[in-house]
C-alpha cells in the first residue's frame, strides 16, 4: 500500500489532499468583490455610452490642456501599478521594509492622482457643469460625467484608505503579504477601469 492510500475494509481509499484550487478566504472575497464591481462599472459605462450616442448635441468640452492633465493622471496610475507590483513581490519575499516602502510610494501616487482628479472637477464646475445642468444645455451630461468619474474616484479613495491601514499594519506585523496582495488586486482593478474611462469619457469628447 502506498503512503497516499489508507486501507479501509480491504479497499484502498486515497488519502485527502489539499485542493489545488484552494485560495485564502480573504483573496476569494476580494475576487468576488472585484467581479461584482466589474458589473457595476460595466453598467455605468454602457449607460454613459448609450446616453452619448442617443444625444445628438452631446457636449465636447475637453480642451487639449484637460487631455494633457488626463494623460499625466494615466501615467501616474500606470507607474503606481508598477510600484504596487514591487510592493507585493517584496512582501512575498519577506522583505517587510521594502514592502511597506513600495506600498507607501503607491499611496503617494494615488493621492496625487486623486488631487489632479479633484482639480479637474473644480475646473468643470467653474464652467457651470453640475449634476443637473451645464452651459451646453444637455442636462444628462453633468450627471453622466460625474457619475462615471466619481465612481472611479471613490474607488481610488477607498484604496488609499486601505493602503494606509494595511500598510501601517503590515509594518507592525499585524497584516501579512496576503493582505498587501489583496490591496494590489484592488489597485490593479482600478487601473484597468481607468483605461476604459479615459477613451470613453475624455478622448471621445475632445473639443473640435
N, C-alpha and C. Protein backbone atom coordinates (compact mmCIF):
# COMPACT_ATOMS: atom_id res chain seq x y z
N UNK A 1 0.86 -1.20 0.00
CA UNK A 1 0.00 0.00 0.00
C UNK A 1 0.89 1.24 0.00
N UNK A 2 0.54 2.21 -0.85
CA UNK A 2 1.33 3.43 -0.93
C UNK A 2 1.01 4.33 0.24
N UNK A 3 1.88 5.32 0.43
CA UNK A 3 1.69 6.27 1.53
C UNK A 3 0.46 7.14 1.35
N UNK A 4 0.00 7.30 0.13
CA UNK A 4 -1.15 8.17 -0.14
C UNK A 4 -2.47 7.44 -0.07
N UNK A 5 -2.44 6.18 0.41
CA UNK A 5 -3.67 5.41 0.47
C UNK A 5 -3.87 4.86 1.87
N UNK A 6 -5.11 4.66 2.24
CA UNK A 6 -5.47 4.13 3.55
C UNK A 6 -6.35 2.92 3.32
N UNK A 7 -6.03 1.82 3.95
CA UNK A 7 -6.81 0.59 3.78
C UNK A 7 -8.02 0.62 4.69
N UNK A 8 -9.22 0.53 4.09
CA UNK A 8 -10.47 0.50 4.85
C UNK A 8 -11.28 -0.67 4.36
N UNK A 9 -11.47 -1.70 5.24
CA UNK A 9 -12.27 -2.86 4.86
C UNK A 9 -11.78 -3.55 3.64
N UNK A 10 -10.47 -3.62 3.48
CA UNK A 10 -9.93 -4.33 2.32
C UNK A 10 -9.88 -3.47 1.07
N UNK A 11 -10.38 -2.24 1.16
CA UNK A 11 -10.37 -1.36 -0.01
C UNK A 11 -9.34 -0.26 0.21
N UNK A 12 -8.72 0.15 -0.85
CA UNK A 12 -7.72 1.21 -0.77
C UNK A 12 -8.39 2.54 -1.11
N UNK A 13 -8.42 3.46 -0.14
CA UNK A 13 -9.05 4.76 -0.33
C UNK A 13 -7.98 5.85 -0.36
N UNK A 14 -7.94 6.66 -1.39
CA UNK A 14 -6.93 7.71 -1.46
C UNK A 14 -7.03 8.65 -0.26
N UNK A 15 -5.90 9.03 0.29
CA UNK A 15 -5.89 9.99 1.41
C UNK A 15 -6.33 11.36 0.92
N UNK A 16 -6.92 12.15 1.82
CA UNK A 16 -7.38 13.50 1.49
C UNK A 16 -6.17 14.40 1.25
N UNK A 17 -6.18 15.11 0.17
CA UNK A 17 -5.13 16.05 -0.15
C UNK A 17 -5.73 17.44 -0.36
N UNK A 18 -4.94 18.49 -0.07
CA UNK A 18 -5.46 19.85 -0.28
C UNK A 18 -5.83 20.07 -1.74
N UNK A 19 -6.94 20.80 -1.94
CA UNK A 19 -7.37 21.09 -3.31
C UNK A 19 -6.38 22.04 -3.97
N UNK A 20 -5.97 21.73 -5.21
CA UNK A 20 -5.03 22.63 -5.90
C UNK A 20 -5.67 23.96 -6.24
N UNK A 21 -6.99 24.06 -6.15
CA UNK A 21 -7.69 25.30 -6.47
C UNK A 21 -8.03 26.12 -5.23
N UNK A 22 -7.64 25.63 -4.06
CA UNK A 22 -7.97 26.33 -2.82
C UNK A 22 -7.19 27.65 -2.75
N UNK A 23 -7.88 28.75 -2.38
CA UNK A 23 -7.24 30.04 -2.19
C UNK A 23 -7.68 30.59 -0.84
N UNK A 24 -6.88 31.46 -0.25
CA UNK A 24 -7.25 32.03 1.05
C UNK A 24 -8.61 32.74 0.99
N UNK A 25 -9.30 32.72 2.12
CA UNK A 25 -10.64 33.30 2.17
C UNK A 25 -10.64 34.78 1.82
N UNK A 26 -9.61 35.52 2.29
CA UNK A 26 -9.56 36.96 2.01
C UNK A 26 -9.40 37.24 0.51
N UNK A 27 -8.54 36.43 -0.13
CA UNK A 27 -8.34 36.63 -1.57
C UNK A 27 -9.60 36.27 -2.35
N UNK A 28 -10.28 35.21 -1.92
CA UNK A 28 -11.53 34.83 -2.57
C UNK A 28 -12.57 35.93 -2.43
N UNK A 29 -12.64 36.53 -1.23
CA UNK A 29 -13.58 37.63 -1.01
C UNK A 29 -13.25 38.82 -1.90
N UNK A 30 -11.95 39.09 -2.06
CA UNK A 30 -11.55 40.21 -2.91
C UNK A 30 -11.91 39.94 -4.37
N UNK A 31 -11.68 38.72 -4.84
CA UNK A 31 -12.02 38.39 -6.22
C UNK A 31 -13.53 38.48 -6.44
N UNK A 32 -14.31 38.02 -5.48
CA UNK A 32 -15.77 38.11 -5.61
C UNK A 32 -16.22 39.57 -5.63
N UNK A 33 -15.58 40.39 -4.79
CA UNK A 33 -15.91 41.82 -4.79
C UNK A 33 -15.56 42.47 -6.12
N UNK A 34 -14.39 42.13 -6.65
CA UNK A 34 -13.97 42.71 -7.93
C UNK A 34 -14.92 42.29 -9.04
N UNK A 35 -15.33 41.02 -9.04
CA UNK A 35 -16.26 40.55 -10.07
C UNK A 35 -17.58 41.31 -10.00
N UNK A 36 -18.10 41.51 -8.79
CA UNK A 36 -19.34 42.27 -8.65
C UNK A 36 -19.14 43.73 -9.04
N UNK A 37 -17.95 44.27 -8.74
CA UNK A 37 -17.66 45.67 -9.09
C UNK A 37 -17.52 45.84 -10.59
N UNK A 38 -17.03 44.82 -11.26
CA UNK A 38 -16.95 44.87 -12.72
C UNK A 38 -18.34 45.09 -13.32
N UNK A 39 -19.32 44.41 -12.75
CA UNK A 39 -20.70 44.58 -13.23
C UNK A 39 -21.18 46.01 -13.03
N UNK A 40 -20.83 46.59 -11.89
CA UNK A 40 -21.24 47.96 -11.60
C UNK A 40 -20.63 48.94 -12.59
N UNK A 41 -19.32 48.84 -12.78
CA UNK A 41 -18.65 49.74 -13.72
C UNK A 41 -19.13 49.51 -15.14
N UNK A 42 -19.33 48.25 -15.51
CA UNK A 42 -19.81 47.96 -16.87
C UNK A 42 -21.17 48.59 -17.11
N UNK A 43 -22.06 48.51 -16.12
CA UNK A 43 -23.38 49.11 -16.27
C UNK A 43 -23.27 50.63 -16.43
N UNK A 44 -22.41 51.26 -15.63
CA UNK A 44 -22.24 52.72 -15.73
C UNK A 44 -21.66 53.14 -17.08
N UNK A 45 -20.65 52.41 -17.53
CA UNK A 45 -20.02 52.77 -18.80
C UNK A 45 -20.95 52.52 -19.98
N UNK A 46 -21.70 51.43 -19.94
CA UNK A 46 -22.67 51.15 -21.01
C UNK A 46 -23.76 52.22 -21.02
N UNK A 47 -24.25 52.60 -19.84
CA UNK A 47 -25.27 53.64 -19.76
C UNK A 47 -24.73 54.97 -20.28
N UNK A 48 -23.48 55.28 -19.94
CA UNK A 48 -22.87 56.51 -20.44
C UNK A 48 -22.77 56.48 -21.96
N UNK A 49 -22.29 55.36 -22.51
CA UNK A 49 -22.18 55.25 -23.96
C UNK A 49 -23.53 55.35 -24.65
N UNK A 50 -24.56 54.77 -24.05
CA UNK A 50 -25.90 54.84 -24.63
C UNK A 50 -26.40 56.28 -24.64
N UNK A 51 -26.23 56.99 -23.52
CA UNK A 51 -26.68 58.38 -23.45
C UNK A 51 -25.94 59.24 -24.46
N UNK A 52 -24.63 59.02 -24.58
CA UNK A 52 -23.85 59.83 -25.51
C UNK A 52 -24.29 59.61 -26.95
N UNK A 53 -24.49 58.36 -27.34
CA UNK A 53 -24.90 58.07 -28.71
C UNK A 53 -26.33 58.50 -29.00
N UNK A 54 -27.17 58.52 -27.96
CA UNK A 54 -28.57 58.88 -28.16
C UNK A 54 -28.80 60.39 -28.11
N UNK A 55 -27.76 61.16 -27.80
CA UNK A 55 -27.90 62.62 -27.68
C UNK A 55 -27.12 63.29 -28.80
N UNK A 56 -27.80 63.84 -29.81
CA UNK A 56 -27.10 64.43 -30.97
C UNK A 56 -26.17 65.58 -30.60
N UNK A 57 -26.58 66.39 -29.61
CA UNK A 57 -25.79 67.57 -29.24
C UNK A 57 -24.95 67.32 -27.99
N UNK A 58 -24.46 66.11 -27.84
CA UNK A 58 -23.64 65.79 -26.66
C UNK A 58 -22.40 66.69 -26.63
N UNK A 59 -22.13 67.33 -25.51
CA UNK A 59 -21.02 68.30 -25.45
C UNK A 59 -19.65 67.65 -25.65
N UNK A 60 -18.75 68.44 -26.20
CA UNK A 60 -17.34 68.04 -26.30
C UNK A 60 -16.51 69.13 -25.63
N UNK A 61 -16.49 69.11 -24.29
CA UNK A 61 -15.93 70.25 -23.56
C UNK A 61 -14.45 70.20 -23.26
N UNK A 62 -13.78 69.09 -23.56
CA UNK A 62 -12.42 68.92 -23.07
C UNK A 62 -11.40 69.51 -24.03
N UNK A 63 -10.64 70.46 -23.52
CA UNK A 63 -9.60 71.11 -24.29
C UNK A 63 -8.30 70.30 -24.21
N UNK A 64 -7.32 70.71 -24.99
CA UNK A 64 -6.04 69.99 -25.01
C UNK A 64 -5.37 70.00 -23.63
N UNK A 65 -5.58 71.08 -22.87
CA UNK A 65 -4.99 71.15 -21.53
C UNK A 65 -5.59 70.08 -20.61
N UNK A 66 -6.90 69.85 -20.75
CA UNK A 66 -7.54 68.83 -19.94
C UNK A 66 -7.03 67.44 -20.32
N UNK A 67 -6.89 67.20 -21.61
CA UNK A 67 -6.39 65.89 -22.07
C UNK A 67 -4.97 65.67 -21.60
N UNK A 68 -4.17 66.75 -21.62
CA UNK A 68 -2.79 66.62 -21.12
C UNK A 68 -2.78 66.24 -19.65
N UNK A 69 -3.68 66.85 -18.87
CA UNK A 69 -3.79 66.52 -17.45
C UNK A 69 -4.23 65.06 -17.26
N UNK A 70 -5.16 64.61 -18.09
CA UNK A 70 -5.64 63.23 -18.02
C UNK A 70 -4.51 62.26 -18.36
N UNK A 71 -3.67 62.62 -19.32
CA UNK A 71 -2.55 61.76 -19.67
C UNK A 71 -1.54 61.67 -18.51
N UNK A 72 -1.34 62.79 -17.82
CA UNK A 72 -0.46 62.78 -16.64
C UNK A 72 -1.06 61.88 -15.56
N UNK A 73 -2.37 61.99 -15.35
CA UNK A 73 -3.05 61.13 -14.37
C UNK A 73 -2.90 59.65 -14.74
N UNK A 74 -3.02 59.37 -16.04
CA UNK A 74 -2.88 57.99 -16.51
C UNK A 74 -1.47 57.48 -16.28
N UNK A 75 -0.49 58.32 -16.55
CA UNK A 75 0.90 57.93 -16.32
C UNK A 75 1.15 57.65 -14.84
N UNK A 76 0.56 58.46 -13.97
CA UNK A 76 0.71 58.26 -12.52
C UNK A 76 0.12 56.91 -12.12
N UNK A 77 -1.07 56.59 -12.65
CA UNK A 77 -1.70 55.32 -12.31
C UNK A 77 -0.88 54.13 -12.81
N UNK A 78 -0.38 54.24 -14.03
CA UNK A 78 0.42 53.14 -14.57
C UNK A 78 1.69 52.94 -13.74
N UNK A 79 2.32 54.05 -13.36
CA UNK A 79 3.52 53.97 -12.53
C UNK A 79 3.20 53.36 -11.17
N UNK A 80 2.08 53.79 -10.59
CA UNK A 80 1.70 53.26 -9.28
C UNK A 80 1.33 51.78 -9.37
N UNK A 81 0.85 51.36 -10.53
CA UNK A 81 0.57 49.93 -10.73
C UNK A 81 1.87 49.13 -10.65
N UNK A 82 2.92 49.68 -11.23
CA UNK A 82 4.23 49.02 -11.19
C UNK A 82 4.79 49.00 -9.77
N UNK A 83 4.67 50.13 -9.04
CA UNK A 83 5.18 50.15 -7.67
C UNK A 83 4.39 49.21 -6.76
N UNK A 84 3.10 49.00 -7.08
CA UNK A 84 2.30 48.06 -6.28
C UNK A 84 2.77 46.64 -6.53
N UNK A 85 3.15 46.33 -7.77
CA UNK A 85 3.71 45.01 -8.07
C UNK A 85 4.99 44.79 -7.27
N UNK A 86 5.82 45.81 -7.18
CA UNK A 86 7.04 45.71 -6.40
C UNK A 86 6.75 45.51 -4.92
N UNK A 87 5.70 46.17 -4.43
CA UNK A 87 5.31 46.01 -3.03
C UNK A 87 4.88 44.58 -2.74
N UNK A 88 4.07 44.01 -3.62
CA UNK A 88 3.61 42.63 -3.44
C UNK A 88 4.78 41.66 -3.53
N UNK A 89 5.66 41.90 -4.49
CA UNK A 89 6.81 41.00 -4.65
C UNK A 89 7.70 41.03 -3.42
N UNK A 90 7.95 42.23 -2.89
CA UNK A 90 8.79 42.35 -1.70
C UNK A 90 8.13 41.69 -0.49
N UNK A 91 6.81 41.88 -0.36
CA UNK A 91 6.09 41.29 0.77
C UNK A 91 6.13 39.77 0.70
N UNK A 92 5.95 39.21 -0.49
CA UNK A 92 6.00 37.75 -0.65
C UNK A 92 7.38 37.20 -0.30
N UNK A 93 8.42 37.98 -0.61
CA UNK A 93 9.79 37.54 -0.33
C UNK A 93 10.16 37.73 1.13
N UNK A 94 9.26 38.31 1.91
CA UNK A 94 9.53 38.52 3.32
C UNK A 94 10.28 39.79 3.64
N UNK A 95 10.44 40.67 2.65
CA UNK A 95 11.14 41.93 2.87
C UNK A 95 10.12 42.98 3.35
N UNK A 96 9.90 42.99 4.65
CA UNK A 96 8.84 43.83 5.21
C UNK A 96 9.09 45.31 4.99
N UNK A 97 10.32 45.75 5.16
CA UNK A 97 10.64 47.18 4.99
C UNK A 97 10.40 47.61 3.55
N UNK A 98 10.88 46.83 2.60
CA UNK A 98 10.69 47.17 1.19
C UNK A 98 9.22 47.10 0.80
N UNK A 99 8.51 46.10 1.31
CA UNK A 99 7.08 46.00 1.01
C UNK A 99 6.32 47.21 1.50
N UNK A 100 6.64 47.66 2.70
CA UNK A 100 5.98 48.85 3.24
C UNK A 100 6.35 50.09 2.43
N UNK A 101 7.64 50.21 2.09
CA UNK A 101 8.08 51.40 1.36
C UNK A 101 7.39 51.51 0.00
N UNK A 102 7.31 50.40 -0.75
CA UNK A 102 6.67 50.44 -2.06
C UNK A 102 5.17 50.68 -1.94
N UNK A 103 4.56 50.18 -0.87
CA UNK A 103 3.14 50.44 -0.65
C UNK A 103 2.89 51.93 -0.41
N UNK A 104 3.78 52.56 0.36
CA UNK A 104 3.63 53.99 0.63
C UNK A 104 3.90 54.83 -0.63
N UNK A 105 4.82 54.37 -1.47
CA UNK A 105 5.06 55.07 -2.74
C UNK A 105 3.82 54.99 -3.62
N UNK A 106 3.19 53.81 -3.64
CA UNK A 106 1.93 53.66 -4.38
C UNK A 106 0.86 54.58 -3.80
N UNK A 107 0.81 54.67 -2.48
CA UNK A 107 -0.13 55.58 -1.82
C UNK A 107 0.09 57.01 -2.27
N UNK A 108 1.35 57.44 -2.34
CA UNK A 108 1.66 58.81 -2.76
C UNK A 108 1.18 59.06 -4.20
N UNK A 109 1.39 58.07 -5.07
CA UNK A 109 0.91 58.21 -6.44
C UNK A 109 -0.59 58.30 -6.51
N UNK A 110 -1.28 57.50 -5.70
CA UNK A 110 -2.74 57.55 -5.67
C UNK A 110 -3.26 58.89 -5.16
N UNK A 111 -2.60 59.43 -4.16
CA UNK A 111 -3.01 60.73 -3.63
C UNK A 111 -2.85 61.81 -4.71
N UNK A 112 -1.73 61.77 -5.42
CA UNK A 112 -1.51 62.75 -6.49
C UNK A 112 -2.57 62.61 -7.57
N UNK A 113 -2.91 61.38 -7.94
CA UNK A 113 -3.97 61.16 -8.93
C UNK A 113 -5.29 61.75 -8.45
N UNK A 114 -5.64 61.49 -7.19
CA UNK A 114 -6.91 61.98 -6.65
C UNK A 114 -6.95 63.51 -6.64
N UNK A 115 -5.83 64.14 -6.28
CA UNK A 115 -5.79 65.61 -6.24
C UNK A 115 -5.95 66.19 -7.65
N UNK A 116 -5.31 65.59 -8.63
CA UNK A 116 -5.46 66.06 -10.01
C UNK A 116 -6.89 65.85 -10.50
N UNK A 117 -7.50 64.75 -10.08
CA UNK A 117 -8.88 64.45 -10.48
C UNK A 117 -9.83 65.49 -9.87
N UNK A 118 -9.63 65.81 -8.61
CA UNK A 118 -10.48 66.81 -7.95
C UNK A 118 -10.28 68.19 -8.58
N UNK A 119 -9.04 68.50 -8.95
CA UNK A 119 -8.79 69.77 -9.64
C UNK A 119 -9.54 69.83 -10.96
N UNK A 120 -9.57 68.71 -11.66
CA UNK A 120 -10.33 68.66 -12.92
C UNK A 120 -11.82 68.89 -12.67
N UNK A 121 -12.34 68.29 -11.61
CA UNK A 121 -13.74 68.51 -11.24
C UNK A 121 -14.03 69.99 -11.01
N UNK A 122 -13.16 70.65 -10.25
CA UNK A 122 -13.37 72.07 -9.98
C UNK A 122 -13.33 72.89 -11.26
N UNK A 123 -12.47 72.48 -12.20
CA UNK A 123 -12.42 73.18 -13.49
C UNK A 123 -13.74 73.02 -14.23
N UNK A 124 -14.33 71.83 -14.19
CA UNK A 124 -15.62 71.61 -14.84
C UNK A 124 -16.73 72.39 -14.13
N UNK A 125 -16.68 72.42 -12.82
CA UNK A 125 -17.70 73.18 -12.05
C UNK A 125 -17.59 74.66 -12.36
N UNK A 126 -16.36 75.17 -12.53
CA UNK A 126 -16.17 76.58 -12.89
C UNK A 126 -16.79 76.90 -14.24
N UNK A 127 -16.90 75.89 -15.10
CA UNK A 127 -17.55 76.09 -16.41
C UNK A 127 -19.07 76.02 -16.31
N UNK A 128 -19.58 75.73 -15.10
CA UNK A 128 -21.02 75.66 -14.91
C UNK A 128 -21.60 74.27 -15.01
N UNK A 129 -20.73 73.25 -14.95
CA UNK A 129 -21.20 71.86 -15.05
C UNK A 129 -21.55 71.35 -13.66
N UNK A 130 -22.77 70.88 -13.47
CA UNK A 130 -23.20 70.24 -12.23
C UNK A 130 -23.90 68.93 -12.59
N UNK A 131 -24.43 68.26 -11.58
CA UNK A 131 -25.13 67.01 -11.84
C UNK A 131 -26.36 67.21 -12.73
N UNK A 132 -26.98 68.38 -12.66
CA UNK A 132 -28.27 68.56 -13.31
C UNK A 132 -28.29 69.64 -14.39
N UNK A 133 -27.18 70.34 -14.59
CA UNK A 133 -27.17 71.36 -15.63
C UNK A 133 -25.75 71.59 -16.13
N UNK A 134 -25.67 72.20 -17.31
CA UNK A 134 -24.37 72.56 -17.87
C UNK A 134 -24.60 73.64 -18.90
N UNK A 135 -23.59 74.39 -19.27
CA UNK A 135 -23.76 75.52 -20.19
C UNK A 135 -24.10 75.12 -21.61
N UNK A 136 -24.08 73.82 -21.93
CA UNK A 136 -24.36 73.38 -23.30
C UNK A 136 -25.79 72.91 -23.47
N UNK A 137 -26.55 72.91 -22.41
CA UNK A 137 -27.97 72.60 -22.50
C UNK A 137 -28.30 71.12 -22.56
N UNK A 138 -27.31 70.25 -22.34
CA UNK A 138 -27.57 68.81 -22.33
C UNK A 138 -27.58 68.35 -20.88
N UNK A 139 -28.76 68.24 -20.32
CA UNK A 139 -28.89 68.02 -18.89
C UNK A 139 -28.26 66.76 -18.37
N UNK A 140 -28.20 65.72 -19.19
CA UNK A 140 -27.67 64.44 -18.74
C UNK A 140 -26.15 64.40 -18.72
N UNK A 141 -25.50 65.36 -19.35
CA UNK A 141 -24.04 65.31 -19.44
C UNK A 141 -23.39 65.36 -18.06
N UNK A 142 -23.79 66.34 -17.25
CA UNK A 142 -23.19 66.50 -15.94
C UNK A 142 -23.38 65.27 -15.07
N UNK A 143 -24.60 64.74 -15.05
CA UNK A 143 -24.88 63.57 -14.25
C UNK A 143 -24.06 62.36 -14.69
N UNK A 144 -23.96 62.17 -16.03
CA UNK A 144 -23.20 61.03 -16.55
C UNK A 144 -21.71 61.20 -16.27
N UNK A 145 -21.21 62.41 -16.49
CA UNK A 145 -19.77 62.67 -16.29
C UNK A 145 -19.38 62.47 -14.83
N UNK A 146 -20.11 63.09 -13.92
CA UNK A 146 -19.76 63.00 -12.50
C UNK A 146 -20.02 61.60 -11.94
N UNK A 147 -20.98 60.88 -12.50
CA UNK A 147 -21.26 59.52 -12.02
C UNK A 147 -20.12 58.58 -12.36
N UNK A 148 -19.68 58.61 -13.61
CA UNK A 148 -18.62 57.68 -14.03
C UNK A 148 -17.29 58.03 -13.36
N UNK A 149 -16.89 59.30 -13.47
CA UNK A 149 -15.60 59.69 -12.89
C UNK A 149 -15.66 59.66 -11.36
N UNK A 150 -16.83 59.95 -10.80
CA UNK A 150 -16.97 59.92 -9.35
C UNK A 150 -16.86 58.52 -8.80
N UNK A 151 -17.40 57.55 -9.52
CA UNK A 151 -17.29 56.15 -9.08
C UNK A 151 -15.83 55.72 -9.10
N UNK A 152 -15.10 56.13 -10.13
CA UNK A 152 -13.67 55.82 -10.19
C UNK A 152 -12.92 56.48 -9.03
N UNK A 153 -13.20 57.76 -8.79
CA UNK A 153 -12.52 58.48 -7.72
C UNK A 153 -12.86 57.88 -6.36
N UNK A 154 -14.09 57.45 -6.18
CA UNK A 154 -14.50 56.83 -4.92
C UNK A 154 -13.68 55.56 -4.67
N UNK A 155 -13.46 54.78 -5.70
CA UNK A 155 -12.67 53.56 -5.54
C UNK A 155 -11.20 53.89 -5.24
N UNK A 156 -10.69 54.94 -5.86
CA UNK A 156 -9.32 55.35 -5.59
C UNK A 156 -9.17 55.75 -4.12
N UNK A 157 -10.10 56.54 -3.62
CA UNK A 157 -10.04 56.98 -2.22
C UNK A 157 -10.15 55.78 -1.28
N UNK A 158 -11.03 54.83 -1.61
CA UNK A 158 -11.15 53.62 -0.78
C UNK A 158 -9.83 52.85 -0.76
N UNK A 159 -9.17 52.76 -1.92
CA UNK A 159 -7.89 52.06 -1.99
C UNK A 159 -6.82 52.78 -1.17
N UNK A 160 -6.84 54.11 -1.21
CA UNK A 160 -5.85 54.88 -0.45
C UNK A 160 -6.02 54.65 1.05
N UNK A 161 -7.26 54.61 1.50
CA UNK A 161 -7.52 54.32 2.91
C UNK A 161 -7.01 52.92 3.27
N UNK A 162 -7.25 51.97 2.37
CA UNK A 162 -6.76 50.61 2.60
C UNK A 162 -5.24 50.56 2.65
N UNK A 163 -4.57 51.34 1.79
CA UNK A 163 -3.11 51.38 1.80
C UNK A 163 -2.58 51.86 3.15
N UNK A 164 -3.23 52.88 3.70
CA UNK A 164 -2.78 53.42 4.98
C UNK A 164 -2.97 52.37 6.09
N UNK A 165 -4.18 51.80 6.15
CA UNK A 165 -4.48 50.84 7.22
C UNK A 165 -3.65 49.57 7.10
N UNK A 166 -3.66 48.97 5.91
CA UNK A 166 -2.94 47.72 5.72
C UNK A 166 -1.42 47.94 5.73
N UNK A 167 -0.98 49.05 5.11
CA UNK A 167 0.46 49.32 5.08
C UNK A 167 1.05 49.49 6.47
N UNK A 168 0.41 50.31 7.29
CA UNK A 168 0.91 50.52 8.65
C UNK A 168 0.78 49.24 9.48
N UNK A 169 -0.33 48.51 9.27
CA UNK A 169 -0.50 47.25 9.98
C UNK A 169 0.53 46.22 9.56
N UNK A 170 0.86 46.21 8.29
CA UNK A 170 1.88 45.28 7.79
C UNK A 170 3.24 45.61 8.38
N UNK A 171 3.54 46.89 8.48
CA UNK A 171 4.82 47.31 9.05
C UNK A 171 4.95 46.84 10.50
N UNK A 172 3.84 46.85 11.23
CA UNK A 172 3.85 46.46 12.65
C UNK A 172 3.67 44.96 12.85
N UNK A 173 3.49 44.22 11.76
CA UNK A 173 3.34 42.78 11.86
C UNK A 173 1.91 42.30 12.04
N UNK A 174 0.96 43.21 11.97
CA UNK A 174 -0.44 42.83 12.15
C UNK A 174 -0.99 42.15 10.90
N UNK A 175 -0.56 42.61 9.72
CA UNK A 175 -1.02 42.04 8.46
C UNK A 175 0.12 41.31 7.77
N UNK A 176 -0.24 40.47 6.81
CA UNK A 176 0.75 39.65 6.12
C UNK A 176 0.85 40.06 4.65
N UNK A 177 1.68 39.33 3.93
CA UNK A 177 1.84 39.60 2.50
C UNK A 177 0.54 39.36 1.74
N UNK A 178 -0.31 38.46 2.25
CA UNK A 178 -1.60 38.22 1.60
C UNK A 178 -2.45 39.49 1.58
N UNK A 179 -2.39 40.25 2.66
CA UNK A 179 -3.17 41.48 2.74
C UNK A 179 -2.62 42.54 1.77
N UNK A 180 -1.30 42.60 1.65
CA UNK A 180 -0.70 43.51 0.67
C UNK A 180 -1.12 43.10 -0.74
N UNK A 181 -1.15 41.79 -0.99
CA UNK A 181 -1.54 41.29 -2.31
C UNK A 181 -3.00 41.63 -2.61
N UNK A 182 -3.87 41.54 -1.61
CA UNK A 182 -5.27 41.90 -1.83
C UNK A 182 -5.42 43.38 -2.19
N UNK A 183 -4.64 44.23 -1.50
CA UNK A 183 -4.63 45.65 -1.87
C UNK A 183 -4.16 45.82 -3.31
N UNK A 184 -3.15 45.03 -3.69
CA UNK A 184 -2.65 45.11 -5.05
C UNK A 184 -3.68 44.70 -6.07
N UNK A 185 -4.44 43.66 -5.79
CA UNK A 185 -5.51 43.23 -6.70
C UNK A 185 -6.51 44.34 -6.92
N UNK A 186 -6.93 44.98 -5.84
CA UNK A 186 -7.92 46.06 -5.94
C UNK A 186 -7.35 47.24 -6.72
N UNK A 187 -6.08 47.56 -6.47
CA UNK A 187 -5.47 48.70 -7.16
C UNK A 187 -5.32 48.44 -8.66
N UNK A 188 -4.94 47.22 -9.02
CA UNK A 188 -4.81 46.91 -10.44
C UNK A 188 -6.17 46.95 -11.13
N UNK A 189 -7.21 46.53 -10.43
CA UNK A 189 -8.56 46.61 -10.98
C UNK A 189 -8.94 48.06 -11.27
N UNK A 190 -8.62 48.96 -10.33
CA UNK A 190 -8.91 50.39 -10.52
C UNK A 190 -8.17 50.91 -11.75
N UNK A 191 -6.92 50.50 -11.91
CA UNK A 191 -6.14 50.93 -13.07
C UNK A 191 -6.77 50.48 -14.38
N UNK A 192 -7.23 49.24 -14.41
CA UNK A 192 -7.84 48.71 -15.63
C UNK A 192 -9.12 49.48 -15.97
N UNK A 193 -9.93 49.76 -14.97
CA UNK A 193 -11.17 50.52 -15.21
C UNK A 193 -10.86 51.89 -15.78
N UNK A 194 -9.82 52.54 -15.26
CA UNK A 194 -9.46 53.87 -15.74
C UNK A 194 -9.11 53.85 -17.23
N UNK A 195 -8.55 52.74 -17.71
CA UNK A 195 -8.20 52.63 -19.12
C UNK A 195 -9.44 52.60 -20.02
N UNK A 196 -10.59 52.27 -19.45
CA UNK A 196 -11.85 52.35 -20.19
C UNK A 196 -12.48 53.73 -20.06
N UNK A 197 -12.28 54.36 -18.91
CA UNK A 197 -12.88 55.67 -18.67
C UNK A 197 -12.24 56.72 -19.57
N UNK A 198 -10.93 56.67 -19.72
CA UNK A 198 -10.22 57.71 -20.47
C UNK A 198 -10.72 57.84 -21.91
N UNK A 199 -10.76 56.79 -22.71
CA UNK A 199 -11.23 56.98 -24.09
C UNK A 199 -12.72 57.31 -24.18
N UNK A 200 -13.54 56.67 -23.34
CA UNK A 200 -14.98 56.86 -23.45
C UNK A 200 -15.42 58.23 -22.97
N UNK A 201 -14.88 58.69 -21.87
CA UNK A 201 -15.33 59.95 -21.28
C UNK A 201 -14.54 61.14 -21.80
N UNK A 202 -13.24 60.97 -22.00
CA UNK A 202 -12.40 62.12 -22.34
C UNK A 202 -12.03 62.19 -23.83
N UNK A 203 -11.38 61.15 -24.34
CA UNK A 203 -10.85 61.24 -25.69
C UNK A 203 -11.94 61.37 -26.75
N UNK A 204 -13.11 60.79 -26.50
CA UNK A 204 -14.20 60.88 -27.46
C UNK A 204 -14.98 62.20 -27.35
N UNK A 205 -14.58 63.03 -26.38
CA UNK A 205 -15.29 64.29 -26.17
C UNK A 205 -14.34 65.48 -26.18
N UNK A 206 -13.29 65.38 -27.00
CA UNK A 206 -12.36 66.49 -27.14
C UNK A 206 -12.99 67.56 -28.02
N UNK A 207 -12.84 68.82 -27.61
CA UNK A 207 -13.42 69.93 -28.39
C UNK A 207 -12.81 69.96 -29.77
N UNK A 208 -13.66 70.09 -30.77
CA UNK A 208 -13.16 70.10 -32.16
C UNK A 208 -12.82 71.52 -32.59
